[in-house]
Structures are given as C-alpha cells and as structure tokens.
Amino acid sequence: MADASRIEWTDATWNPVTGCRKISAGCQNCYAERMAKRLQAMGKPQYVKGFDVAIHPEMLDRPAKWKKPRTIFVNSMSDLFLREIPFDFVRRVFDVMNRCTHHVFQVLTKRPEVAAEYADRLHWSDNIWLGATVEDKDTLGRIVCLRTIPAKLRFLSLEPLLTPLRRLPLRGVHWVIVGGESGPGSRPMKPEWVRSIRDTCVGRGVPFFFKQWGGTNKKKAGRLLDGRTWDEMPLALEERLAVA
C-alpha cells in the first residue's frame, strides 16, 4: 500500500502539509520533528525546509488515486489548522476529502479553536473525522472547542498522555485513543491513568483504543492493558468496512 502507515489506528497517511510549531507540553519530544529532520537529511523533496511549515499542492490528488477504501490520517507530519496555512489551502484539502467519499479521513489537531473558527466555511462530509489531541489536564479545554464543530465523528487522541485525566468529559466524543510517549527522553505514563480513561469510556459506551505504552523501546513495552489489546473502533467505520 502506498503511504501505508504503521500507526495502529489508521491505514495510510497523507501529508499535503508538513512542518509544525510547538504549542503545548505534548510537543516537547515531537516524533514528527525527529522524522522530518531525518527525511531532510535523506534528501526527500517534501522536507527541504525540515520541520518548517510548508504546503504541498502536488500532494492534493493523492487520495483520488487510491481506489480501495481506507482510513487516512491527514497531516501526520503537521497540523491542518496551523495559522500559517492559508485558509484557501485548507479549503482545497477539504474539497479533496469531500470528493473522495470512499475513504475515511482522520484529521487530528492541537488547534480545534482554529477549526471551530473555520467550520462554517467548510463542508464536513460524513467521511471526515475530526480529533483533538489532549495530553494533560491543561489541554482539556480543547474538548470544548471540538464539540462545537459539525464533524460526523469527533475523537480524542490522548497521546502522549502526561497526566491523569479524571472525569474526562466525553459528551459529543465518539472515540478515544490513548498512548504513551515513545522515543528519546520519553516521559512515563502510569497504568492507573490509562485504566481510569478506559473505565470512563466503557461506562459511557465510547470505543476505546489503546495504542501503546511507549518508552524508549515501545515494541518491547507493547500494547497490552490488563492482559488484552483494546482496538475498539467507531461503529461508523465498522459499517463502512462491511459495505466495502
């Protein structure tokens, strides 16, 4: 599969934008920044500017070439709602997602307030999922912004999970992903934090996906939580896969 992803909760990645800017504690050990520098050193043309924000119009037609339906993580190497990205380019990305209704597009942002500002000027077809990264108690306010956006499915990525999130507010949220930080300098995630979130999700009937424990050797740390994997997906995706 072209642009296949090793990220457990998606099939492929699509990066019409690369580069980002750090705004909160979860950005401290950014995997995308490390990867961008590596790709720059390898001479990859999309990463000539390293991790500086850059738009790539030549990438806009990529999803239309993928005929088989798949879930696509949009801008795994950036954030579509950076202020540096012209709104017209954001609209062009949405036009592609609106046309390619055989795919599910997973748009994840740390800037849901910008997405909310743009929301009325964009068309949110049912195959566009919008998620917010919430890594600690200081970023819980992102959920409030997320709720205001008319995406068919809204989700949370609690990765890297840096603090406990007691009484996680899940009204208007349809899916929760949890993961620990990985790579050099990774900060630890306590099992009780994950169990608390899982139990909240189970109690509210929200699908729960546990991505990883993380650490410097994330493969060795694995994905088991209390002896099992948690790979729950939204019913909307299961229904689409059954039809495909």
C-alpha atoms as a PDB file:
ATOM      1  CA  MET A   1       0.000   0.000   0.000  1.00  0.00           C
ATOM      2  CA  ALA A   2       1.452   3.371  -0.986  1.00  0.00           C
ATOM      3  CA  ASP A   3       1.937   5.635   2.043  1.00  0.00           C
ATOM      4  CA  ALA A   4       0.937   2.757   4.325  1.00  0.00           C
ATOM      5  CA  SER A   5       1.144   3.634   7.993  1.00  0.00           C
ATOM      6  CA  ARG A   6       2.477   1.767  10.999  1.00  0.00           C
ATOM      7  CA  ILE A   7       0.136   3.774  13.222  1.00  0.00           C
ATOM      8  CA  GLU A   8      -2.217   1.217  14.689  1.00  0.00           C
ATOM      9  CA  TRP A   9      -5.451   3.176  14.285  1.00  0.00           C
ATOM     10  CA  THR A  10      -5.157   4.104  10.610  1.00  0.00           C
ATOM     11  CA  ASP A  11      -4.313   2.566   7.223  1.00  0.00           C
ATOM     12  CA  ALA A  12      -2.392   5.320   5.455  1.00  0.00           C
ATOM     13  CA  THR A  13      -1.050   8.834   5.878  1.00  0.00           C
ATOM     14  CA  TRP A  14      -1.476  11.830   3.577  1.00  0.00           C
ATOM     15  CA  ASN A  15       0.621  14.953   4.079  1.00  0.00           C
ATOM     16  CA  PRO A  16      -0.398  17.921   1.914  1.00  0.00           C
ATOM     17  CA  VAL A  17       1.236  19.978   4.691  1.00  0.00           C
ATOM     18  CA  THR A  18       4.477  19.282   6.533  1.00  0.00           C
ATOM     19  CA  GLY A  19       6.110  21.029   9.470  1.00  0.00           C
ATOM     20  CA  CYS A  20       4.594  22.442  12.629  1.00  0.00           C
ATOM     21  CA  ARG A  21       5.100  24.725  15.628  1.00  0.00           C
ATOM     22  CA  LYS A  22       5.154  23.634  19.258  1.00  0.00           C
ATOM     23  CA  ILE A  23       2.312  24.930  21.425  1.00  0.00           C
ATOM     24  CA  SER A  24       1.939  22.654  24.466  1.00  0.00           C
ATOM     25  CA  ALA A  25       3.669  20.088  26.672  1.00  0.00           C
ATOM     26  CA  GLY A  26       2.856  17.199  24.361  1.00  0.00           C
ATOM     27  CA  CYS A  27       5.038  18.764  21.666  1.00  0.00           C
ATOM     28  CA  GLN A  28       8.251  18.550  23.693  1.00  0.00           C
ATOM     29  CA  ASN A  29       9.550  15.324  22.101  1.00  0.00           C
ATOM     30  CA  CYS A  30       7.677  15.552  18.796  1.00  0.00           C
ATOM     31  CA  TYR A  31       8.082  12.391  16.702  1.00  0.00           C
ATOM     32  CA  ALA A  32       7.220  14.305  13.501  1.00  0.00           C
ATOM     33  CA  GLU A  33      10.030  16.784  14.113  1.00  0.00           C
ATOM     34  CA  ARG A  34      12.546  13.942  14.526  1.00  0.00           C
ATOM     35  CA  MET A  35      11.234  12.235  11.399  1.00  0.00           C
ATOM     36  CA  ALA A  36      11.287  15.459   9.350  1.00  0.00           C
ATOM     37  CA  LYS A  37      14.941  16.071  10.175  1.00  0.00           C
ATOM     38  CA  ARG A  38      15.767  12.509   9.190  1.00  0.00           C
ATOM     39  CA  LEU A  39      13.915  12.848   5.892  1.00  0.00           C
ATOM     40  CA  GLN A  40      15.609  16.188   5.234  1.00  0.00           C
ATOM     41  CA  ALA A  41      18.992  14.527   5.688  1.00  0.00           C
ATOM     42  CA  MET A  42      17.905  11.826   3.225  1.00  0.00           C
ATOM     43  CA  GLY A  43      17.162  14.499   0.633  1.00  0.00           C
ATOM     44  CA  LYS A  44      13.391  13.955   0.480  1.00  0.00           C
ATOM     45  CA  PRO A  45      11.966  16.904  -1.517  1.00  0.00           C
ATOM     46  CA  GLN A  46       8.981  17.486   0.781  1.00  0.00           C
ATOM     47  CA  TYR A  47      11.378  18.108   3.669  1.00  0.00           C
ATOM     48  CA  VAL A  48      13.852  20.549   2.116  1.00  0.00           C
ATOM     49  CA  LYS A  49      12.764  23.002   4.843  1.00  0.00           C
ATOM     50  CA  GLY A  50      12.989  20.382   7.569  1.00  0.00           C
ATOM     51  CA  PHE A  51      10.214  20.963  10.091  1.00  0.00           C
ATOM     52  CA  ASP A  52       9.320  24.466   8.916  1.00  0.00           C
ATOM     53  CA  VAL A  53       5.677  24.688   7.814  1.00  0.00           C
ATOM     54  CA  ALA A  54       5.272  24.021   4.076  1.00  0.00           C
ATOM     55  CA  ILE A  55       2.277  23.315   1.865  1.00  0.00           C
ATOM     56  CA  HIS A  56       2.449  20.759  -0.949  1.00  0.00           C
ATOM     57  CA  PRO A  57      -0.215  21.300  -3.631  1.00  0.00           C
ATOM     58  CA  GLU A  58       1.290  18.434  -5.624  1.00  0.00           C
ATOM     59  CA  MET A  59       0.053  16.041  -2.919  1.00  0.00           C
ATOM     60  CA  LEU A  60      -3.593  17.074  -3.126  1.00  0.00           C
ATOM     61  CA  ASP A  61      -4.585  14.469  -5.720  1.00  0.00           C
ATOM     62  CA  ARG A  62      -3.020  11.517  -3.852  1.00  0.00           C
ATOM     63  CA  PRO A  63      -6.201  10.142  -2.185  1.00  0.00           C
ATOM     64  CA  ALA A  64      -8.091  10.137  -5.501  1.00  0.00           C
ATOM     65  CA  LYS A  65      -5.504   7.692  -6.862  1.00  0.00           C
ATOM     66  CA  TRP A  66      -6.198   5.219  -4.083  1.00  0.00           C
ATOM     67  CA  LYS A  67      -9.167   3.247  -5.369  1.00  0.00           C
ATOM     68  CA  LYS A  68      -9.504   0.851  -2.459  1.00  0.00           C
ATOM     69  CA  PRO A  69     -11.276   2.420   0.558  1.00  0.00           C
ATOM     70  CA  ARG A  70      -9.030   3.095   3.508  1.00  0.00           C
ATOM     71  CA  THR A  71      -8.768   5.216   6.630  1.00  0.00           C
ATOM     72  CA  ILE A  72      -6.329   8.078   6.082  1.00  0.00           C
ATOM     73  CA  PHE A  73      -4.560  10.091   8.768  1.00  0.00           C
ATOM     74  CA  VAL A  74      -4.383  13.627   7.377  1.00  0.00           C
ATOM     75  CA  ASN A  75      -1.133  15.508   8.050  1.00  0.00           C
ATOM     76  CA  SER A  76       0.601  13.050  10.335  1.00  0.00           C
ATOM     77  CA  MET A  77       3.611  15.357   9.914  1.00  0.00           C
ATOM     78  CA  SER A  78       1.805  18.624  10.613  1.00  0.00           C
ATOM     79  CA  ASP A  79      -1.475  20.197  11.767  1.00  0.00           C
ATOM     80  CA  LEU A  80      -4.019  21.314   9.166  1.00  0.00           C
ATOM     81  CA  PHE A  81      -5.196  24.159  11.410  1.00  0.00           C
ATOM     82  CA  LEU A  82      -1.920  25.990  11.849  1.00  0.00           C
ATOM     83  CA  ARG A  83      -2.410  29.742  11.407  1.00  0.00           C
ATOM     84  CA  GLU A  84       0.481  29.708   8.941  1.00  0.00           C
ATOM     85  CA  ILE A  85      -1.540  27.652   6.459  1.00  0.00           C
ATOM     86  CA  PRO A  86      -3.689  29.836   4.175  1.00  0.00           C
ATOM     87  CA  PHE A  87      -7.398  29.166   4.579  1.00  0.00           C
ATOM     88  CA  ASP A  88      -7.718  28.660   0.820  1.00  0.00           C
ATOM     89  CA  PHE A  89      -5.343  25.696   1.059  1.00  0.00           C
ATOM     90  CA  VAL A  90      -7.304  24.238   3.977  1.00  0.00           C
ATOM     91  CA  ARG A  91     -10.423  24.531   1.810  1.00  0.00           C
ATOM     92  CA  ARG A  92      -8.665  22.718  -1.047  1.00  0.00           C
ATOM     93  CA  VAL A  93      -7.772  19.862   1.317  1.00  0.00           C
ATOM     94  CA  PHE A  94     -11.426  19.682   2.368  1.00  0.00           C
ATOM     95  CA  ASP A  95     -12.512  19.668  -1.283  1.00  0.00           C
ATOM     96  CA  VAL A  96     -10.420  16.530  -1.818  1.00  0.00           C
ATOM     97  CA  MET A  97     -11.904  14.841   1.260  1.00  0.00           C
ATOM     98  CA  ASN A  98     -15.430  15.816   0.175  1.00  0.00           C
ATOM     99  CA  ARG A  99     -14.877  14.245  -3.245  1.00  0.00           C
ATOM    100  CA  CYS A 100     -13.166  11.053  -2.061  1.00  0.00           C
ATOM    101  CA  THR A 101     -16.106   9.692  -0.098  1.00  0.00           C
ATOM    102  CA  HIS A 102     -14.860   6.098  -0.394  1.00  0.00           C
ATOM    103  CA  HIS A 103     -12.177   6.960   2.181  1.00  0.00           C
ATOM    104  CA  VAL A 104     -12.402   7.961   5.845  1.00  0.00           C
ATOM    105  CA  PHE A 105     -10.192  10.961   6.640  1.00  0.00           C
ATOM    106  CA  GLN A 106      -8.914  11.322  10.215  1.00  0.00           C
ATOM    107  CA  VAL A 107      -7.918  14.946  10.847  1.00  0.00           C
ATOM    108  CA  LEU A 108      -6.142  15.408  14.176  1.00  0.00           C
ATOM    109  CA  THR A 109      -5.316  18.842  15.582  1.00  0.00           C
ATOM    110  CA  LYS A 110      -3.981  20.588  18.650  1.00  0.00           C
ATOM    111  CA  ARG A 111      -5.778  23.713  17.432  1.00  0.00           C
ATOM    112  CA  PRO A 112      -9.521  22.934  17.499  1.00  0.00           C
ATOM    113  CA  GLU A 113     -10.243  26.607  18.178  1.00  0.00           C
ATOM    114  CA  VAL A 114      -8.994  27.381  14.652  1.00  0.00           C
ATOM    115  CA  ALA A 115     -11.054  24.530  13.227  1.00  0.00           C
ATOM    116  CA  ALA A 116     -14.095  25.976  15.018  1.00  0.00           C
ATOM    117  CA  GLU A 117     -13.383  29.394  13.530  1.00  0.00           C
ATOM    118  CA  TYR A 118     -13.260  27.903  10.023  1.00  0.00           C
ATOM    119  CA  ALA A 119     -16.076  25.373  10.490  1.00  0.00           C
ATOM    120  CA  ASP A 120     -18.933  27.316   8.900  1.00  0.00           C
ATOM    121  CA  ARG A 121     -16.875  27.942   5.758  1.00  0.00           C
ATOM    122  CA  LEU A 122     -16.052  24.286   5.197  1.00  0.00           C
ATOM    123  CA  HIS A 123     -18.162  21.317   4.110  1.00  0.00           C
ATOM    124  CA  TRP A 124     -17.945  18.457   6.610  1.00  0.00           C
ATOM    125  CA  SER A 125     -18.901  15.368   4.613  1.00  0.00           C
ATOM    126  CA  ASP A 126     -19.623  12.293   6.720  1.00  0.00           C
ATOM    127  CA  ASN A 127     -16.262  10.697   5.907  1.00  0.00           C
ATOM    128  CA  ILE A 128     -14.312  13.481   7.673  1.00  0.00           C
ATOM    129  CA  TRP A 129     -13.487  12.712  11.299  1.00  0.00           C
ATOM    130  CA  LEU A 130     -12.043  15.455  13.468  1.00  0.00           C
ATOM    131  CA  GLY A 131      -9.916  14.749  16.507  1.00  0.00           C
ATOM    132  CA  ALA A 132      -8.204  16.842  19.160  1.00  0.00           C
ATOM    133  CA  THR A 133      -5.004  15.941  20.969  1.00  0.00           C
ATOM    134  CA  VAL A 134      -5.387  16.260  24.748  1.00  0.00           C
ATOM    135  CA  GLU A 135      -2.215  15.311  26.558  1.00  0.00           C
ATOM    136  CA  ASP A 136      -2.780  16.666  30.078  1.00  0.00           C
ATOM    137  CA  LYS A 137      -5.241  18.470  32.319  1.00  0.00           C
ATOM    138  CA  ASP A 138      -4.110  21.835  30.922  1.00  0.00           C
ATOM    139  CA  THR A 139      -5.378  20.953  27.434  1.00  0.00           C
ATOM    140  CA  LEU A 140      -8.824  19.651  28.404  1.00  0.00           C
ATOM    141  CA  GLY A 141     -10.308  22.886  27.050  1.00  0.00           C
ATOM    142  CA  ARG A 142      -9.678  21.601  23.537  1.00  0.00           C
ATOM    143  CA  ILE A 143     -12.600  19.232  24.024  1.00  0.00           C
ATOM    144  CA  VAL A 144     -14.954  22.188  24.468  1.00  0.00           C
ATOM    145  CA  CYS A 145     -13.880  23.563  21.060  1.00  0.00           C
ATOM    146  CA  LEU A 146     -14.091  20.135  19.456  1.00  0.00           C
ATOM    147  CA  ARG A 147     -17.735  19.737  20.474  1.00  0.00           C
ATOM    148  CA  THR A 148     -18.742  22.853  18.537  1.00  0.00           C
ATOM    149  CA  ILE A 149     -17.507  21.530  15.191  1.00  0.00           C
ATOM    150  CA  PRO A 150     -20.047  19.751  12.934  1.00  0.00           C
ATOM    151  CA  ALA A 151     -17.895  16.732  12.064  1.00  0.00           C
ATOM    152  CA  LYS A 152     -19.866  13.493  11.779  1.00  0.00           C
ATOM    153  CA  LEU A 153     -17.404  11.831  14.150  1.00  0.00           C
ATOM    154  CA  ARG A 154     -15.263  13.546  16.782  1.00  0.00           C
ATOM    155  CA  PHE A 155     -12.424  11.799  18.585  1.00  0.00           C
ATOM    156  CA  LEU A 156      -9.692  12.359  21.141  1.00  0.00           C
ATOM    157  CA  SER A 157      -6.042  11.371  20.938  1.00  0.00           C
ATOM    158  CA  LEU A 158      -4.718  11.284  24.485  1.00  0.00           C
ATOM    159  CA  GLU A 159      -1.129  10.829  23.364  1.00  0.00           C
ATOM    160  CA  PRO A 160       1.346  11.380  24.786  1.00  0.00           C
ATOM    161  CA  LEU A 161      -0.669  11.040  27.988  1.00  0.00           C
ATOM    162  CA  LEU A 162       1.296  13.073  30.531  1.00  0.00           C
ATOM    163  CA  THR A 163      -1.065  13.438  33.498  1.00  0.00           C
ATOM    164  CA  PRO A 164      -4.163  11.714  34.861  1.00  0.00           C
ATOM    165  CA  LEU A 165      -7.412  12.918  33.270  1.00  0.00           C
ATOM    166  CA  ARG A 166     -10.023  12.261  35.916  1.00  0.00           C
ATOM    167  CA  ARG A 167     -13.672  12.765  34.979  1.00  0.00           C
ATOM    168  CA  LEU A 168     -12.758  13.024  31.297  1.00  0.00           C
ATOM    169  CA  PRO A 169     -15.650  14.886  29.606  1.00  0.00           C
ATOM    170  CA  LEU A 170     -16.906  12.676  26.770  1.00  0.00           C
ATOM    171  CA  ARG A 171     -20.142  14.361  25.756  1.00  0.00           C
ATOM    172  CA  GLY A 172     -20.036  14.770  21.994  1.00  0.00           C
ATOM    173  CA  VAL A 173     -16.975  12.493  21.667  1.00  0.00           C
ATOM    174  CA  HIS A 174     -17.286   9.272  19.650  1.00  0.00           C
ATOM    175  CA  TRP A 175     -13.870   7.615  20.027  1.00  0.00           C
ATOM    176  CA  VAL A 176     -10.863   7.799  22.381  1.00  0.00           C
ATOM    177  CA  ILE A 177      -7.262   6.805  21.625  1.00  0.00           C
ATOM    178  CA  VAL A 178      -4.664   6.593  24.432  1.00  0.00           C
ATOM    179  CA  GLY A 179      -0.917   6.199  24.109  1.00  0.00           C
ATOM    180  CA  GLY A 180       2.311   6.789  25.969  1.00  0.00           C
ATOM    181  CA  GLU A 181       5.205   8.848  24.686  1.00  0.00           C
ATOM    182  CA  SER A 182       7.958   6.994  22.837  1.00  0.00           C
ATOM    183  CA  GLY A 183      11.497   7.727  21.733  1.00  0.00           C
ATOM    184  CA  PRO A 184      14.435   9.553  23.332  1.00  0.00           C
ATOM    185  CA  GLY A 185      13.549  11.369  26.547  1.00  0.00           C
ATOM    186  CA  SER A 186      10.051   9.883  26.657  1.00  0.00           C
ATOM    187  CA  ARG A 187       8.050  10.714  29.761  1.00  0.00           C
ATOM    188  CA  PRO A 188       6.361   7.850  31.652  1.00  0.00           C
ATOM    189  CA  MET A 189       2.635   7.097  31.615  1.00  0.00           C
ATOM    190  CA  LYS A 190       1.138   5.374  34.664  1.00  0.00           C
ATOM    191  CA  PRO A 191      -1.165   2.355  34.225  1.00  0.00           C
ATOM    192  CA  GLU A 192      -3.767   3.819  36.573  1.00  0.00           C
ATOM    193  CA  TRP A 193      -4.174   6.832  34.262  1.00  0.00           C
ATOM    194  CA  VAL A 194      -4.973   4.524  31.339  1.00  0.00           C
ATOM    195  CA  ARG A 195      -7.332   2.327  33.357  1.00  0.00           C
ATOM    196  CA  SER A 196      -9.266   5.358  34.551  1.00  0.00           C
ATOM    197  CA  ILE A 197      -9.818   6.542  30.983  1.00  0.00           C
ATOM    198  CA  ARG A 198     -10.711   3.055  29.789  1.00  0.00           C
ATOM    199  CA  ASP A 199     -13.252   2.639  32.559  1.00  0.00           C
ATOM    200  CA  THR A 200     -14.794   6.018  31.754  1.00  0.00           C
ATOM    201  CA  CYS A 201     -15.085   5.050  28.082  1.00  0.00           C
ATOM    202  CA  VAL A 202     -16.613   1.673  28.885  1.00  0.00           C
ATOM    203  CA  GLY A 203     -19.089   3.304  31.236  1.00  0.00           C
ATOM    204  CA  ARG A 204     -20.112   5.851  28.594  1.00  0.00           C
ATOM    205  CA  GLY A 205     -20.166   3.387  25.694  1.00  0.00           C
ATOM    206  CA  VAL A 206     -17.354   5.222  23.848  1.00  0.00           C
ATOM    207  CA  PRO A 207     -14.977   2.998  21.816  1.00  0.00           C
ATOM    208  CA  PHE A 208     -11.534   2.844  23.443  1.00  0.00           C
ATOM    209  CA  PHE A 209      -8.275   2.235  21.563  1.00  0.00           C
ATOM    210  CA  PHE A 210      -5.041   1.668  23.482  1.00  0.00           C
ATOM    211  CA  LYS A 211      -2.176   2.395  21.112  1.00  0.00           C
ATOM    212  CA  GLN A 212       0.986   1.816  23.148  1.00  0.00           C
ATOM    213  CA  TRP A 213       2.801   2.086  26.469  1.00  0.00           C
ATOM    214  CA  GLY A 214       5.636   3.891  24.712  1.00  0.00           C
ATOM    215  CA  GLY A 215       9.065   4.373  26.233  1.00  0.00           C
ATOM    216  CA  THR A 216      12.464   4.124  24.604  1.00  0.00           C
ATOM    217  CA  ASN A 217      11.613   0.625  23.328  1.00  0.00           C
ATOM    218  CA  LYS A 218       7.910   0.838  22.519  1.00  0.00           C
ATOM    219  CA  LYS A 219       7.880  -2.520  20.735  1.00  0.00           C
ATOM    220  CA  LYS A 220       9.117  -4.288  23.866  1.00  0.00           C
ATOM    221  CA  ALA A 221       6.658  -2.361  26.064  1.00  0.00           C
ATOM    222  CA  GLY A 222       3.826  -3.496  23.821  1.00  0.00           C
ATOM    223  CA  ARG A 223       0.128  -2.679  23.779  1.00  0.00           C
ATOM    224  CA  LEU A 224      -1.419  -4.995  26.353  1.00  0.00           C
ATOM    225  CA  LEU A 225      -3.598  -3.455  29.041  1.00  0.00           C
ATOM    226  CA  ASP A 226      -4.671  -5.875  31.769  1.00  0.00           C
ATOM    227  CA  GLY A 227      -3.760  -8.821  29.598  1.00  0.00           C
ATOM    228  CA  ARG A 228      -5.501  -7.835  26.367  1.00  0.00           C
ATOM    229  CA  THR A 229      -5.396  -5.386  23.497  1.00  0.00           C
ATOM    230  CA  TRP A 230      -8.029  -2.689  23.180  1.00  0.00           C
ATOM    231  CA  ASP A 231      -8.644  -1.990  19.492  1.00  0.00           C
ATOM    232  CA  GLU A 232     -12.184  -0.660  19.590  1.00  0.00           C
ATOM    233  CA  MET A 233     -13.189   1.436  16.595  1.00  0.00           C
ATOM    234  CA  PRO A 234     -16.233   3.624  15.968  1.00  0.00           C
ATOM    235  CA  LEU A 235     -19.247   1.738  14.657  1.00  0.00           C
ATOM    236  CA  ALA A 236     -19.317   4.128  11.683  1.00  0.00           C
ATOM    237  CA  LEU A 237     -16.033   2.658  10.423  1.00  0.00           C
ATOM    238  CA  GLU A 238     -17.113  -0.939  11.002  1.00  0.00           C
ATOM    239  CA  GLU A 239     -20.242  -0.299   8.978  1.00  0.00           C
ATOM    240  CA  ARG A 240     -18.239   1.230   6.111  1.00  0.00           C
ATOM    241  CA  LEU A 241     -15.829  -1.713   6.057  1.00  0.00           C
ATOM    242  CA  ALA A 242     -18.716  -4.176   5.950  1.00  0.00           C
ATOM    243  CA  VAL A 243     -20.064  -2.461   2.842  1.00  0.00           C
ATOM    244  CA  ALA A 244     -16.698  -2.009   1.078  1.00  0.00           C
END
